[in-house]
């Protein structure tokens, strides 16, 4: 069973997404970039769902730190603020995909499967 780490400070969103994914994946959650990075140091994670806006550091900074140590982990960026500039920047920094909230469940499922497949070595 693949492990998914959700890093998002919106607790209701995180809980709803966790409940949605829990039947198919092992789900870990963090509410700050620092907390998420700490989990990545201790746990095997196959995919990260990362919010762009976090209270302690930006999602972009968190993405940079993830990719500096865990280059093969696919990261899907999530945001309530759909900006083309941010999407382009995220992709340049190694994000697999970029989705705006509210997330379409079917689209997320397809992107997660693609990202997990591409992350397999």
PDB file of N, CA and C in Angstrom:
ATOM      1  N   UNK A   1       0.852  -1.179   0.000  1.00  0.00           N
ATOM      2  CA  UNK A   1       0.000   0.000   0.000  1.00  0.00           C
ATOM      3  C   UNK A   1       0.896   1.240   0.000  1.00  0.00           C
ATOM      4  N   UNK A   2       0.660   2.139  -0.944  1.00  0.00           N
ATOM      5  CA  UNK A   2       1.459   3.359  -1.061  1.00  0.00           C
ATOM      6  C   UNK A   2       1.151   4.313   0.095  1.00  0.00           C
ATOM      7  N   UNK A   3       2.170   5.060   0.497  1.00  0.00           N
ATOM      8  CA  UNK A   3       2.027   6.052   1.561  1.00  0.00           C
ATOM      9  C   UNK A   3       1.941   7.449   0.967  1.00  0.00           C
ATOM     10  N   UNK A   4       0.937   8.194   1.409  1.00  0.00           N
ATOM     11  CA  UNK A   4       0.704   9.552   0.943  1.00  0.00           C
ATOM     12  C   UNK A   4       0.867  10.491   2.133  1.00  0.00           C
ATOM     13  N   UNK A   5       1.652  11.550   1.945  1.00  0.00           N
ATOM     14  CA  UNK A   5       1.790  12.586   2.969  1.00  0.00           C
ATOM     15  C   UNK A   5       1.056  13.827   2.489  1.00  0.00           C
ATOM     16  N   UNK A   6       0.094  14.281   3.283  1.00  0.00           N
ATOM     17  CA  UNK A   6      -0.634  15.512   2.988  1.00  0.00           C
ATOM     18  C   UNK A   6      -0.059  16.597   3.889  1.00  0.00           C
ATOM     19  N   UNK A   7       0.457  17.661   3.286  1.00  0.00           N
ATOM     20  CA  UNK A   7       0.955  18.806   4.054  1.00  0.00           C
ATOM     21  C   UNK A   7       0.054  19.988   3.718  1.00  0.00           C
ATOM     22  N   UNK A   8      -0.834  20.335   4.655  1.00  0.00           N
ATOM     23  CA  UNK A   8      -1.817  21.395   4.435  1.00  0.00           C
ATOM     24  C   UNK A   8      -2.271  21.909   5.793  1.00  0.00           C
ATOM     25  N   UNK A   9      -2.337  23.216   5.964  1.00  0.00           N
ATOM     26  CA  UNK A   9      -2.723  23.778   7.255  1.00  0.00           C
ATOM     27  C   UNK A   9      -4.229  23.853   7.462  1.00  0.00           C
ATOM     28  N   UNK A  10      -5.012  23.613   6.416  1.00  0.00           N
ATOM     29  CA  UNK A  10      -6.468  23.615   6.558  1.00  0.00           C
ATOM     30  C   UNK A  10      -6.905  22.257   7.104  1.00  0.00           C
ATOM     31  N   UNK A  11      -7.168  22.208   8.394  1.00  0.00           N
ATOM     32  CA  UNK A  11      -7.433  20.926   9.059  1.00  0.00           C
ATOM     33  C   UNK A  11      -8.673  20.214   8.522  1.00  0.00           C
ATOM     34  N   UNK A  12      -9.727  20.949   8.201  1.00  0.00           N
ATOM     35  CA  UNK A  12     -10.932  20.307   7.664  1.00  0.00           C
ATOM     36  C   UNK A  12     -10.646  19.682   6.299  1.00  0.00           C
ATOM     37  N   UNK A  13      -9.902  20.408   5.460  1.00  0.00           N
ATOM     38  CA  UNK A  13      -9.536  19.879   4.149  1.00  0.00           C
ATOM     39  C   UNK A  13      -8.665  18.639   4.304  1.00  0.00           C
ATOM     40  N   UNK A  14      -7.687  18.717   5.201  1.00  0.00           N
ATOM     41  CA  UNK A  14      -6.777  17.589   5.429  1.00  0.00           C
ATOM     42  C   UNK A  14      -7.547  16.367   5.908  1.00  0.00           C
ATOM     43  N   UNK A  15      -8.478  16.570   6.827  1.00  0.00           N
ATOM     44  CA  UNK A  15      -9.275  15.466   7.359  1.00  0.00           C
ATOM     45  C   UNK A  15     -10.143  14.840   6.260  1.00  0.00           C
ATOM     46  N   UNK A  16     -10.789  15.680   5.466  1.00  0.00           N
ATOM     47  CA  UNK A  16     -11.652  15.174   4.395  1.00  0.00           C
ATOM     48  C   UNK A  16     -10.836  14.403   3.358  1.00  0.00           C
ATOM     49  N   UNK A  17      -9.683  14.945   2.984  1.00  0.00           N
ATOM     50  CA  UNK A  17      -8.828  14.275   2.008  1.00  0.00           C
ATOM     51  C   UNK A  17      -8.282  12.965   2.572  1.00  0.00           C
ATOM     52  N   UNK A  18      -7.907  12.970   3.834  1.00  0.00           N
ATOM     53  CA  UNK A  18      -7.423  11.742   4.490  1.00  0.00           C
ATOM     54  C   UNK A  18      -8.483  10.658   4.467  1.00  0.00           C
ATOM     55  N   UNK A  19      -9.702  11.037   4.815  1.00  0.00           N
ATOM     56  CA  UNK A  19     -10.806  10.074   4.822  1.00  0.00           C
ATOM     57  C   UNK A  19     -11.059   9.519   3.425  1.00  0.00           C
ATOM     58  N   UNK A  20     -10.963  10.366   2.412  1.00  0.00           N
ATOM     59  CA  UNK A  20     -11.166   9.947   1.031  1.00  0.00           C
ATOM     60  C   UNK A  20     -10.098   8.943   0.592  1.00  0.00           C
ATOM     61  N   UNK A  21      -8.855   9.183   0.989  1.00  0.00           N
ATOM     62  CA  UNK A  21      -7.732   8.363   0.524  1.00  0.00           C
ATOM     63  C   UNK A  21      -7.440   7.140   1.392  1.00  0.00           C
ATOM     64  N   UNK A  22      -7.963   7.109   2.609  1.00  0.00           N
ATOM     65  CA  UNK A  22      -7.585   6.087   3.589  1.00  0.00           C
ATOM     66  C   UNK A  22      -7.912   4.656   3.170  1.00  0.00           C
ATOM     67  N   UNK A  23      -8.904   4.474   2.325  1.00  0.00           N
ATOM     68  CA  UNK A  23      -9.250   3.111   1.904  1.00  0.00           C
ATOM     69  C   UNK A  23      -8.219   2.537   0.935  1.00  0.00           C
ATOM     70  N   UNK A  24      -7.529   3.416   0.213  1.00  0.00           N
ATOM     71  CA  UNK A  24      -6.604   2.977  -0.829  1.00  0.00           C
ATOM     72  C   UNK A  24      -5.142   3.151  -0.444  1.00  0.00           C
ATOM     73  N   UNK A  25      -4.864   4.130   0.415  1.00  0.00           N
ATOM     74  CA  UNK A  25      -3.483   4.482   0.753  1.00  0.00           C
ATOM     75  C   UNK A  25      -3.269   4.575   2.253  1.00  0.00           C
ATOM     76  N   UNK A  26      -2.013   4.459   2.652  1.00  0.00           N
ATOM     77  CA  UNK A  26      -1.609   4.802   4.016  1.00  0.00           C
ATOM     78  C   UNK A  26      -1.414   6.313   4.015  1.00  0.00           C
ATOM     79  N   UNK A  27      -2.164   7.033   4.841  1.00  0.00           N
ATOM     80  CA  UNK A  27      -2.160   8.490   4.810  1.00  0.00           C
ATOM     81  C   UNK A  27      -1.496   9.049   6.063  1.00  0.00           C
ATOM     82  N   UNK A  28      -0.531   9.952   5.838  1.00  0.00           N
ATOM     83  CA  UNK A  28       0.121  10.703   6.907  1.00  0.00           C
ATOM     84  C   UNK A  28      -0.228  12.170   6.684  1.00  0.00           C
ATOM     85  N   UNK A  29      -0.330  12.937   7.765  1.00  0.00           N
ATOM     86  CA  UNK A  29      -0.678  14.347   7.606  1.00  0.00           C
ATOM     87  C   UNK A  29       0.255  15.235   8.414  1.00  0.00           C
ATOM     88  N   UNK A  30       0.436  16.442   7.894  1.00  0.00           N
ATOM     89  CA  UNK A  30       1.206  17.478   8.580  1.00  0.00           C
ATOM     90  C   UNK A  30       0.514  18.808   8.283  1.00  0.00           C
ATOM     91  N   UNK A  31       0.615  19.743   9.230  1.00  0.00           N
ATOM     92  CA  UNK A  31      -0.054  21.030   9.062  1.00  0.00           C
ATOM     93  C   UNK A  31       0.912  22.184   8.830  1.00  0.00           C
ATOM     94  N   UNK A  32       2.206  21.882   8.814  1.00  0.00           N
ATOM     95  CA  UNK A  32       3.221  22.889   8.493  1.00  0.00           C
ATOM     96  C   UNK A  32       4.286  22.240   7.605  1.00  0.00           C
ATOM     97  N   UNK A  33       5.038  23.069   6.923  1.00  0.00           N
ATOM     98  CA  UNK A  33       6.126  22.547   6.111  1.00  0.00           C
ATOM     99  C   UNK A  33       7.157  21.821   6.958  1.00  0.00           C
ATOM    100  N   UNK A  34       7.503  22.417   8.098  1.00  0.00           N
ATOM    101  CA  UNK A  34       8.489  21.800   8.988  1.00  0.00           C
ATOM    102  C   UNK A  34       8.045  20.445   9.499  1.00  0.00           C
ATOM    103  N   UNK A  35       6.776  20.344   9.871  1.00  0.00           N
ATOM    104  CA  UNK A  35       6.229  19.067  10.341  1.00  0.00           C
ATOM    105  C   UNK A  35       6.286  18.024   9.229  1.00  0.00           C
ATOM    106  N   UNK A  36       5.952  18.430   8.016  1.00  0.00           N
ATOM    107  CA  UNK A  36       5.994  17.512   6.878  1.00  0.00           C
ATOM    108  C   UNK A  36       7.406  17.032   6.591  1.00  0.00           C
ATOM    109  N   UNK A  37       8.374  17.950   6.639  1.00  0.00           N
ATOM    110  CA  UNK A  37       9.771  17.573   6.412  1.00  0.00           C
ATOM    111  C   UNK A  37      10.254  16.602   7.484  1.00  0.00           C
ATOM    112  N   UNK A  38       9.798  16.807   8.728  1.00  0.00           N
ATOM    113  CA  UNK A  38      10.138  15.891   9.816  1.00  0.00           C
ATOM    114  C   UNK A  38       9.598  14.495   9.574  1.00  0.00           C
ATOM    115  N   UNK A  39       8.375  14.408   9.066  1.00  0.00           N
ATOM    116  CA  UNK A  39       7.788  13.103   8.751  1.00  0.00           C
ATOM    117  C   UNK A  39       8.589  12.427   7.638  1.00  0.00           C
ATOM    118  N   UNK A  40       8.991  13.196   6.637  1.00  0.00           N
ATOM    119  CA  UNK A  40       9.759  12.632   5.517  1.00  0.00           C
ATOM    120  C   UNK A  40      11.103  12.065   5.973  1.00  0.00           C
ATOM    121  N   UNK A  41      11.667  12.616   7.040  1.00  0.00           N
ATOM    122  CA  UNK A  41      12.932  12.103   7.570  1.00  0.00           C
ATOM    123  C   UNK A  41      12.760  10.743   8.230  1.00  0.00           C
ATOM    124  N   UNK A  42      11.558  10.472   8.760  1.00  0.00           N
ATOM    125  CA  UNK A  42      11.325   9.264   9.550  1.00  0.00           C
ATOM    126  C   UNK A  42      10.534   8.179   8.832  1.00  0.00           C
ATOM    127  N   UNK A  43       9.731   8.575   7.865  1.00  0.00           N
ATOM    128  CA  UNK A  43       8.790   7.647   7.234  1.00  0.00           C
ATOM    129  C   UNK A  43       9.104   7.460   5.748  1.00  0.00           C
ATOM    130  N   UNK A  44       8.725   6.314   5.212  1.00  0.00           N
ATOM    131  CA  UNK A  44       8.790   6.091   3.775  1.00  0.00           C
ATOM    132  C   UNK A  44       7.512   6.641   3.172  1.00  0.00           C
ATOM    133  N   UNK A  45       7.652   7.577   2.268  1.00  0.00           N
ATOM    134  CA  UNK A  45       6.503   8.228   1.636  1.00  0.00           C
ATOM    135  C   UNK A  45       6.640   8.080   0.128  1.00  0.00           C
ATOM    136  N   UNK A  46       5.536   7.722  -0.528  1.00  0.00           N
ATOM    137  CA  UNK A  46       5.539   7.508  -1.971  1.00  0.00           C
ATOM    138  C   UNK A  46       5.057   8.720  -2.767  1.00  0.00           C
ATOM    139  N   UNK A  47       4.293   9.616  -2.115  1.00  0.00           N
ATOM    140  CA  UNK A  47       3.728  10.775  -2.797  1.00  0.00           C
ATOM    141  C   UNK A  47       3.405  11.842  -1.752  1.00  0.00           C
ATOM    142  N   UNK A  48       3.646  13.103  -2.105  1.00  0.00           N
ATOM    143  CA  UNK A  48       3.305  14.222  -1.223  1.00  0.00           C
ATOM    144  C   UNK A  48       2.261  15.093  -1.909  1.00  0.00           C
ATOM    145  N   UNK A  49       1.207  15.426  -1.158  1.00  0.00           N
ATOM    146  CA  UNK A  49       0.228  16.425  -1.583  1.00  0.00           C
ATOM    147  C   UNK A  49       0.535  17.660  -0.743  1.00  0.00           C
ATOM    148  N   UNK A  50       0.956  18.744  -1.376  1.00  0.00           N
ATOM    149  CA  UNK A  50       1.523  19.894  -0.678  1.00  0.00           C
ATOM    150  C   UNK A  50       0.778  21.173  -0.995  1.00  0.00           C
ATOM    151  N   UNK A  51       0.291  21.831   0.060  1.00  0.00           N
ATOM    152  CA  UNK A  51      -0.379  23.116  -0.085  1.00  0.00           C
ATOM    153  C   UNK A  51       0.652  24.201  -0.380  1.00  0.00           C
ATOM    154  N   UNK A  52       0.260  25.173  -1.183  1.00  0.00           N
ATOM    155  CA  UNK A  52       1.161  26.253  -1.545  1.00  0.00           C
ATOM    156  C   UNK A  52       1.386  27.227  -0.389  1.00  0.00           C
ATOM    157  N   UNK A  53       0.353  27.449   0.417  1.00  0.00           N
ATOM    158  CA  UNK A  53       0.453  28.417   1.515  1.00  0.00           C
ATOM    159  C   UNK A  53       0.396  27.698   2.857  1.00  0.00           C
ATOM    160  N   UNK A  54       1.502  27.788   3.569  1.00  0.00           N
ATOM    161  CA  UNK A  54       1.627  27.152   4.875  1.00  0.00           C
ATOM    162  C   UNK A  54       2.036  28.211   5.895  1.00  0.00           C
ATOM    163  N   UNK A  55       1.759  27.992   7.179  1.00  0.00           N
ATOM    164  CA  UNK A  55       2.036  29.026   8.173  1.00  0.00           C
ATOM    165  C   UNK A  55       3.520  29.259   8.492  1.00  0.00           C
ATOM    166  N   UNK A  56       4.351  28.255   8.340  1.00  0.00           N
ATOM    167  CA  UNK A  56       5.749  28.414   8.749  1.00  0.00           C
ATOM    168  C   UNK A  56       6.711  28.690   7.596  1.00  0.00           C
ATOM    169  N   UNK A  57       6.438  28.131   6.436  1.00  0.00           N
ATOM    170  CA  UNK A  57       7.238  28.390   5.238  1.00  0.00           C
ATOM    171  C   UNK A  57       6.343  28.159   4.044  1.00  0.00           C
ATOM    172  N   UNK A  58       6.684  28.751   2.930  1.00  0.00           N
ATOM    173  CA  UNK A  58       5.829  28.587   1.748  1.00  0.00           C
ATOM    174  C   UNK A  58       5.890  27.149   1.242  1.00  0.00           C
ATOM    175  N   UNK A  59       4.870  26.778   0.505  1.00  0.00           N
ATOM    176  CA  UNK A  59       4.875  25.466  -0.127  1.00  0.00           C
ATOM    177  C   UNK A  59       6.019  25.339  -1.113  1.00  0.00           C
ATOM    178  N   UNK A  60       6.385  26.443  -1.762  1.00  0.00           N
ATOM    179  CA  UNK A  60       7.517  26.417  -2.703  1.00  0.00           C
ATOM    180  C   UNK A  60       8.814  26.099  -1.966  1.00  0.00           C
ATOM    181  N   UNK A  61       9.012  26.721  -0.807  1.00  0.00           N
ATOM    182  CA  UNK A  61      10.221  26.459  -0.023  1.00  0.00           C
ATOM    183  C   UNK A  61      10.213  25.013   0.463  1.00  0.00           C
ATOM    184  N   UNK A  62       9.053  24.531   0.888  1.00  0.00           N
ATOM    185  CA  UNK A  62       8.923  23.143   1.326  1.00  0.00           C
ATOM    186  C   UNK A  62       9.232  22.199   0.164  1.00  0.00           C
ATOM    187  N   UNK A  63       8.712  22.516  -1.016  1.00  0.00           N
ATOM    188  CA  UNK A  63       8.982  21.721  -2.222  1.00  0.00           C
ATOM    189  C   UNK A  63      10.483  21.667  -2.503  1.00  0.00           C
ATOM    190  N   UNK A  64      11.143  22.807  -2.423  1.00  0.00           N
ATOM    191  CA  UNK A  64      12.599  22.859  -2.653  1.00  0.00           C
ATOM    192  C   UNK A  64      13.337  21.942  -1.682  1.00  0.00           C
ATOM    193  N   UNK A  65      12.943  22.001  -0.415  1.00  0.00           N
ATOM    194  CA  UNK A  65      13.614  21.175   0.604  1.00  0.00           C
ATOM    195  C   UNK A  65      13.346  19.690   0.365  1.00  0.00           C
ATOM    196  N   UNK A  66      12.123  19.342  -0.021  1.00  0.00           N
ATOM    197  CA  UNK A  66      11.802  17.943  -0.315  1.00  0.00           C
ATOM    198  C   UNK A  66      12.662  17.459  -1.476  1.00  0.00           C
ATOM    199  N   UNK A  67      12.705  18.241  -2.543  1.00  0.00           N
ATOM    200  CA  UNK A  67      13.431  17.833  -3.741  1.00  0.00           C
ATOM    201  C   UNK A  67      14.944  17.832  -3.538  1.00  0.00           C
ATOM    202  N   UNK A  68      15.438  18.583  -2.559  1.00  0.00           N
ATOM    203  CA  UNK A  68      16.878  18.594  -2.312  1.00  0.00           C
ATOM    204  C   UNK A  68      17.355  17.294  -1.672  1.00  0.00           C
ATOM    205  N   UNK A  69      16.449  16.585  -1.002  1.00  0.00           N
ATOM    206  CA  UNK A  69      16.837  15.329  -0.351  1.00  0.00           C
ATOM    207  C   UNK A  69      16.112  14.107  -0.902  1.00  0.00           C
ATOM    208  N   UNK A  70      14.925  14.295  -1.422  1.00  0.00           N
ATOM    209  CA  UNK A  70      14.078  13.185  -1.886  1.00  0.00           C
ATOM    210  C   UNK A  70      13.665  13.422  -3.332  1.00  0.00           C
ATOM    211  N   UNK A  71      14.609  13.423  -4.245  1.00  0.00           N
ATOM    212  CA  UNK A  71      14.346  13.798  -5.634  1.00  0.00           C
ATOM    213  C   UNK A  71      13.281  12.944  -6.316  1.00  0.00           C
ATOM    214  N   UNK A  72      13.142  11.683  -5.912  1.00  0.00           N
ATOM    215  CA  UNK A  72      12.233  10.775  -6.609  1.00  0.00           C
ATOM    216  C   UNK A  72      10.809  10.779  -6.085  1.00  0.00           C
ATOM    217  N   UNK A  73      10.548  11.464  -4.975  1.00  0.00           N
ATOM    218  CA  UNK A  73       9.183  11.503  -4.456  1.00  0.00           C
ATOM    219  C   UNK A  73       8.365  12.490  -5.287  1.00  0.00           C
ATOM    220  N   UNK A  74       7.283  12.014  -5.923  1.00  0.00           N
ATOM    221  CA  UNK A  74       6.434  12.947  -6.651  1.00  0.00           C
ATOM    222  C   UNK A  74       5.674  13.853  -5.676  1.00  0.00           C
ATOM    223  N   UNK A  75       5.537  15.111  -6.057  1.00  0.00           N
ATOM    224  CA  UNK A  75       4.827  16.099  -5.242  1.00  0.00           C
ATOM    225  C   UNK A  75       3.755  16.744  -6.104  1.00  0.00           C
ATOM    226  N   UNK A  76       2.522  16.708  -5.617  1.00  0.00           N
ATOM    227  CA  UNK A  76       1.417  17.401  -6.268  1.00  0.00           C
ATOM    228  C   UNK A  76       1.097  18.623  -5.422  1.00  0.00           C
ATOM    229  N   UNK A  77       1.216  19.800  -6.028  1.00  0.00           N
ATOM    230  CA  UNK A  77       0.928  21.049  -5.328  1.00  0.00           C
ATOM    231  C   UNK A  77      -0.580  21.302  -5.333  1.00  0.00           C
ATOM    232  N   UNK A  78      -1.097  21.783  -4.205  1.00  0.00           N
ATOM    233  CA  UNK A  78      -2.512  22.125  -4.067  1.00  0.00           C
ATOM    234  C   UNK A  78      -2.618  23.565  -3.604  1.00  0.00           C
ATOM    235  N   UNK A  79      -3.564  24.307  -4.159  1.00  0.00           N
ATOM    236  CA  UNK A  79      -3.747  25.674  -3.704  1.00  0.00           C
ATOM    237  C   UNK A  79      -5.158  26.158  -3.964  1.00  0.00           C
ATOM    238  N   UNK A  80      -5.588  27.043  -3.115  1.00  0.00           N
ATOM    239  CA  UNK A  80      -6.861  27.718  -3.307  1.00  0.00           C
ATOM    240  C   UNK A  80      -6.694  28.947  -4.175  1.00  0.00           C
ATOM    241  N   UNK A  81      -5.461  29.260  -4.501  1.00  0.00           N
ATOM    242  CA  UNK A  81      -5.144  30.457  -5.279  1.00  0.00           C
ATOM    243  C   UNK A  81      -4.495  30.040  -6.586  1.00  0.00           C
ATOM    244  N   UNK A  82      -5.313  29.790  -7.602  1.00  0.00           N
ATOM    245  CA  UNK A  82      -4.797  29.300  -8.871  1.00  0.00           C
ATOM    246  C   UNK A  82      -4.128  30.387  -9.685  1.00  0.00           C
ATOM    247  N   UNK A  83      -2.825  30.456  -9.598  1.00  0.00           N
ATOM    248  CA  UNK A  83      -2.066  31.442 -10.357  1.00  0.00           C
ATOM    249  C   UNK A  83      -1.147  30.699 -11.326  1.00  0.00           C
ATOM    250  N   UNK A  84      -1.173  31.099 -12.582  1.00  0.00           N
ATOM    251  CA  UNK A  84      -0.349  30.453 -13.593  1.00  0.00           C
ATOM    252  C   UNK A  84       1.123  30.570 -13.223  1.00  0.00           C
ATOM    253  N   UNK A  85       1.536  31.733 -12.733  1.00  0.00           N
ATOM    254  CA  UNK A  85       2.934  31.963 -12.357  1.00  0.00           C
ATOM    255  C   UNK A  85       3.385  30.955 -11.300  1.00  0.00           C
ATOM    256  N   UNK A  86       2.547  30.719 -10.298  1.00  0.00           N
ATOM    257  CA  UNK A  86       2.877  29.762  -9.235  1.00  0.00           C
ATOM    258  C   UNK A  86       2.948  28.339  -9.779  1.00  0.00           C
ATOM    259  N   UNK A  87       2.047  27.994 -10.684  1.00  0.00           N
ATOM    260  CA  UNK A  87       2.052  26.655 -11.268  1.00  0.00           C
ATOM    261  C   UNK A  87       3.336  26.425 -12.053  1.00  0.00           C
ATOM    262  N   UNK A  88       3.739  27.403 -12.842  1.00  0.00           N
ATOM    263  CA  UNK A  88       4.962  27.281 -13.629  1.00  0.00           C
ATOM    264  C   UNK A  88       6.171  27.153 -12.699  1.00  0.00           C
ATOM    265  N   UNK A  89       6.215  27.979 -11.666  1.00  0.00           N
ATOM    266  CA  UNK A  89       7.332  27.923 -10.711  1.00  0.00           C
ATOM    267  C   UNK A  89       7.390  26.564 -10.022  1.00  0.00           C
ATOM    268  N   UNK A  90       6.241  26.045  -9.606  1.00  0.00           N
ATOM    269  CA  UNK A  90       6.188  24.743  -8.930  1.00  0.00           C
ATOM    270  C   UNK A  90       6.706  23.635  -9.839  1.00  0.00           C
ATOM    271  N   UNK A  91       6.317  23.672 -11.104  1.00  0.00           N
ATOM    272  CA  UNK A  91       6.759  22.636 -12.045  1.00  0.00           C
ATOM    273  C   UNK A  91       8.264  22.737 -12.281  1.00  0.00           C
ATOM    274  N   UNK A  92       8.788  23.957 -12.366  1.00  0.00           N
ATOM    275  CA  UNK A  92      10.224  24.147 -12.546  1.00  0.00           C
ATOM    276  C   UNK A  92      11.013  23.610 -11.349  1.00  0.00           C
ATOM    277  N   UNK A  93      10.398  23.679 -10.165  1.00  0.00           N
ATOM    278  CA  UNK A  93      11.074  23.224  -8.946  1.00  0.00           C
ATOM    279  C   UNK A  93      10.865  21.743  -8.673  1.00  0.00           C
ATOM    280  N   UNK A  94      10.173  21.052  -9.590  1.00  0.00           N
ATOM    281  CA  UNK A  94      10.076  19.607  -9.468  1.00  0.00           C
ATOM    282  C   UNK A  94       8.724  19.032  -9.123  1.00  0.00           C
ATOM    283  N   UNK A  95       7.701  19.864  -9.010  1.00  0.00           N
ATOM    284  CA  UNK A  95       6.360  19.333  -8.732  1.00  0.00           C
ATOM    285  C   UNK A  95       5.883  18.494  -9.912  1.00  0.00           C
ATOM    286  N   UNK A  96       5.165  17.424  -9.622  1.00  0.00           N
ATOM    287  CA  UNK A  96       4.609  16.568 -10.667  1.00  0.00           C
ATOM    288  C   UNK A  96       3.389  17.212 -11.317  1.00  0.00           C
ATOM    289  N   UNK A  97       2.572  17.838 -10.486  1.00  0.00           N
ATOM    290  CA  UNK A  97       1.324  18.440 -10.948  1.00  0.00           C
ATOM    291  C   UNK A  97       0.963  19.589 -10.024  1.00  0.00           C
ATOM    292  N   UNK A  98      -0.049  20.351 -10.436  1.00  0.00           N
ATOM    293  CA  UNK A  98      -0.507  21.518  -9.693  1.00  0.00           C
ATOM    294  C   UNK A  98      -2.024  21.557  -9.814  1.00  0.00           C
ATOM    295  N   UNK A  99      -2.722  21.480  -8.680  1.00  0.00           N
ATOM    296  CA  UNK A  99      -4.186  21.482  -8.683  1.00  0.00           C
ATOM    297  C   UNK A  99      -4.719  22.624  -7.828  1.00  0.00           C
ATOM    298  N   UNK A 100      -5.856  23.186  -8.239  1.00  0.00           N
ATOM    299  CA  UNK A 100      -6.491  24.210  -7.423  1.00  0.00           C
ATOM    300  C   UNK A 100      -7.609  23.587  -6.589  1.00  0.00           C
ATOM    301  N   UNK A 101      -7.832  24.182  -5.418  1.00  0.00           N
ATOM    302  CA  UNK A 101      -8.922  23.756  -4.542  1.00  0.00           C
ATOM    303  C   UNK A 101     -10.165  24.543  -4.927  1.00  0.00           C
ATOM    304  N   UNK A 102     -11.356  24.002  -4.762  1.00  0.00           N
ATOM    305  CA  UNK A 102     -11.599  22.648  -4.282  1.00  0.00           C
ATOM    306  C   UNK A 102     -11.142  21.621  -5.315  1.00  0.00           C
ATOM    307  N   UNK A 103     -10.585  20.556  -4.817  1.00  0.00           N
ATOM    308  CA  UNK A 103      -9.995  19.525  -5.662  1.00  0.00           C
ATOM    309  C   UNK A 103     -11.090  18.619  -6.223  1.00  0.00           C
ATOM    310  N   UNK A 104     -11.018  18.359  -7.507  1.00  0.00           N
ATOM    311  CA  UNK A 104     -11.911  17.391  -8.137  1.00  0.00           C
ATOM    312  C   UNK A 104     -11.364  15.999  -7.789  1.00  0.00           C
ATOM    313  N   UNK A 105     -12.155  15.192  -7.106  1.00  0.00           N
ATOM    314  CA  UNK A 105     -11.696  13.888  -6.621  1.00  0.00           C
ATOM    315  C   UNK A 105     -11.225  12.967  -7.742  1.00  0.00           C
ATOM    316  N   UNK A 106     -11.949  12.940  -8.841  1.00  0.00           N
ATOM    317  CA  UNK A 106     -11.560  12.071  -9.958  1.00  0.00           C
ATOM    318  C   UNK A 106     -10.241  12.526 -10.576  1.00  0.00           C
ATOM    319  N   UNK A 107     -10.091  13.830 -10.766  1.00  0.00           N
ATOM    320  CA  UNK A 107      -8.853  14.372 -11.326  1.00  0.00           C
ATOM    321  C   UNK A 107      -7.675  14.087 -10.400  1.00  0.00           C
ATOM    322  N   UNK A 108      -7.888  14.272  -9.097  1.00  0.00           N
ATOM    323  CA  UNK A 108      -6.836  13.990  -8.123  1.00  0.00           C
ATOM    324  C   UNK A 108      -6.441  12.519  -8.180  1.00  0.00           C
ATOM    325  N   UNK A 109      -7.411  11.631  -8.242  1.00  0.00           N
ATOM    326  CA  UNK A 109      -7.120  10.189  -8.274  1.00  0.00           C
ATOM    327  C   UNK A 109      -6.274   9.831  -9.492  1.00  0.00           C
ATOM    328  N   UNK A 110      -6.612  10.378 -10.653  1.00  0.00           N
ATOM    329  CA  UNK A 110      -5.858  10.101 -11.874  1.00  0.00           C
ATOM    330  C   UNK A 110      -4.436  10.637 -11.750  1.00  0.00           C
ATOM    331  N   UNK A 111      -4.295  11.869 -11.274  1.00  0.00           N
ATOM    332  CA  UNK A 111      -2.964  12.468 -11.140  1.00  0.00           C
ATOM    333  C   UNK A 111      -2.111  11.734 -10.113  1.00  0.00           C
ATOM    334  N   UNK A 112      -2.738  11.280  -9.037  1.00  0.00           N
ATOM    335  CA  UNK A 112      -1.998  10.527  -8.024  1.00  0.00           C
ATOM    336  C   UNK A 112      -1.483   9.218  -8.603  1.00  0.00           C
ATOM    337  N   UNK A 113      -2.327   8.513  -9.346  1.00  0.00           N
ATOM    338  CA  UNK A 113      -1.895   7.248  -9.951  1.00  0.00           C
ATOM    339  C   UNK A 113      -0.744   7.468 -10.922  1.00  0.00           C
ATOM    340  N   UNK A 114      -0.856   8.514 -11.753  1.00  0.00           N
ATOM    341  CA  UNK A 114       0.218   8.823 -12.696  1.00  0.00           C
ATOM    342  C   UNK A 114       1.513   9.173 -11.955  1.00  0.00           C
ATOM    343  N   UNK A 115       1.387   9.988 -10.914  1.00  0.00           N
ATOM    344  CA  UNK A 115       2.573  10.397 -10.155  1.00  0.00           C
ATOM    345  C   UNK A 115       3.209   9.202  -9.454  1.00  0.00           C
ATOM    346  N   UNK A 116       2.398   8.317  -8.900  1.00  0.00           N
ATOM    347  CA  UNK A 116       2.934   7.133  -8.228  1.00  0.00           C
ATOM    348  C   UNK A 116       3.623   6.214  -9.228  1.00  0.00           C
ATOM    349  N   UNK A 117       3.067   6.067 -10.410  1.00  0.00           N
ATOM    350  CA  UNK A 117       3.684   5.246 -11.447  1.00  0.00           C
ATOM    351  C   UNK A 117       5.019   5.835 -11.880  1.00  0.00           C
ATOM    352  N   UNK A 118       5.057   7.155 -12.047  1.00  0.00           N
ATOM    353  CA  UNK A 118       6.302   7.794 -12.491  1.00  0.00           C
ATOM    354  C   UNK A 118       7.366   7.775 -11.395  1.00  0.00           C
ATOM    355  N   UNK A 119       6.940   7.690 -10.137  1.00  0.00           N
ATOM    356  CA  UNK A 119       7.885   7.668  -9.033  1.00  0.00           C
ATOM    357  C   UNK A 119       8.542   6.318  -8.827  1.00  0.00           C
ATOM    358  N   UNK A 120       8.001   5.269  -9.448  1.00  0.00           N
ATOM    359  CA  UNK A 120       8.583   3.938  -9.304  1.00  0.00           C
ATOM    360  C   UNK A 120       9.840   3.847 -10.142  1.00  0.00           C
ATOM    361  N   UNK A 121      10.885   3.310  -9.532  1.00  0.00           N
ATOM    362  CA  UNK A 121      12.165   3.220 -10.243  1.00  0.00           C
ATOM    363  C   UNK A 121      12.385   1.789 -10.689  1.00  0.00           C
TER     364      UNK A 121
END
